[in-house]
């Protein structure tokens, strides 16, 4: 969801509108000349690209004097967790029809003699509900480091949550995907122009009435975002966009354009600070000097009544950025394949910091004080319980601590070395309630660079 206004109009916009150009309640990414509306529901564009020394000021505040020197809002303290109830949906205009592309050697002809080749069938309608969880895992003078995770509710709003993946975000203190700095937000002026309305007013959420700023855009599709003026947090957002899906071959054998409508919402659920004793600790010294960590093991899938299928699995964490108490990694995971079949790794980013619930490191001084059986935290929304599963020698004789994060559908056992605080071994067990398949990933640290 980007707030984009075509550049031909930008020269005549008011100061307040210029402040809002390119801003998004979800991405914060600016639109350049020729950009289409941003990909809805793809948070993470605001902030620092790979390898940059410092994130950029949020586009909303680029014209505000002194914004670049802003400190992080007090409300976004280290270890804070922000939770949203989220929905998304995708609706195709022509589900099940064959997609087509122009090809001079294609064997399908149109009315004008043009040649086409069939590509793939257009998908149908899909959607889901779940939670978006943002943890503040790192905080320094230059930026906030956020671990954003997505949880699906496969059985509906009343059922257990299932972790579906996430991403690392590093943002400037002026704002990110789900917050704008409240001190700067107070300076935004009301706007009522073609394609954009910005106004202040009361907003009721969860029985409480809050003072808010609402930004509504209709330039490309529709988007509406409401921010709490007291703490700057996004309270609610909604978007709907239509985009081209190329060309399809209809039932009447005629070619016609296809489209897809994407919708999504976020509703603020609340904030809390998990009771993790290492959040007050420090990052081990090796975090700043380590270039790569390689974990190797197996991944398996078990269906009821059938033997498990198991493949070798390698996951590599390559250091991308490092700060005081945090690090962001590029992650590449690949399963072994049969000879002749190419290995296609999956890639992502991962943020680990002193405020992480299950990161790549924990302060050794904190690990040394933990005891078997301690319950550290219970999250009432996503249903996870964090506890100390085991303190003692690992199979290789090293002193170790196993931290368990468990929920009805997932168990993550993270075993840390007490001497250096490094994650040495992790076992993730996931239950798919739809298929009743159990997936297990078992990885051990095998290489450090």
Foldseek 3Di string as FASTA:
>chain_A
DWQADAPVCVVPDDPLVQLRAGQDLAALGHDDHPDDPDDPPPHANFFDDFQDPFTDARSNCPPPPPSQQDFAFPVQDAQKKWKKKKKKKKAKPDAFFWFKDFDQPAPAAAPVGTHIHTDGTHHHMDMFIWMWMWTQFDGDSRWTKIWIWTWTQVVDQVHATHTDDTAIHIHGSQDGNWFGALVVVVVRDFDDDVFWGWDWDWDDDPNDIATWIWIWGPNAFIKIWIAGNVGGGTAKMKTKGKDWPHWGQDPVRHIDTMIMIMIMMIHTDDMDRFQDVQSPPFAFPVVVVWFKWKKKDKKWKDAPPDDIDIWIKIKMWGWRDDDTFKTKTKIWMWTDDDPPDDIDTDIHMGMHGSSDLDHFFGHLVVVVPFDAPAWRGADPNNAWTKGWHDFQADPVGFTWTWIWIDGPFKIKTFIAGSVRGGGAKIKIWGADVVRRMIMIDIIGTDDID
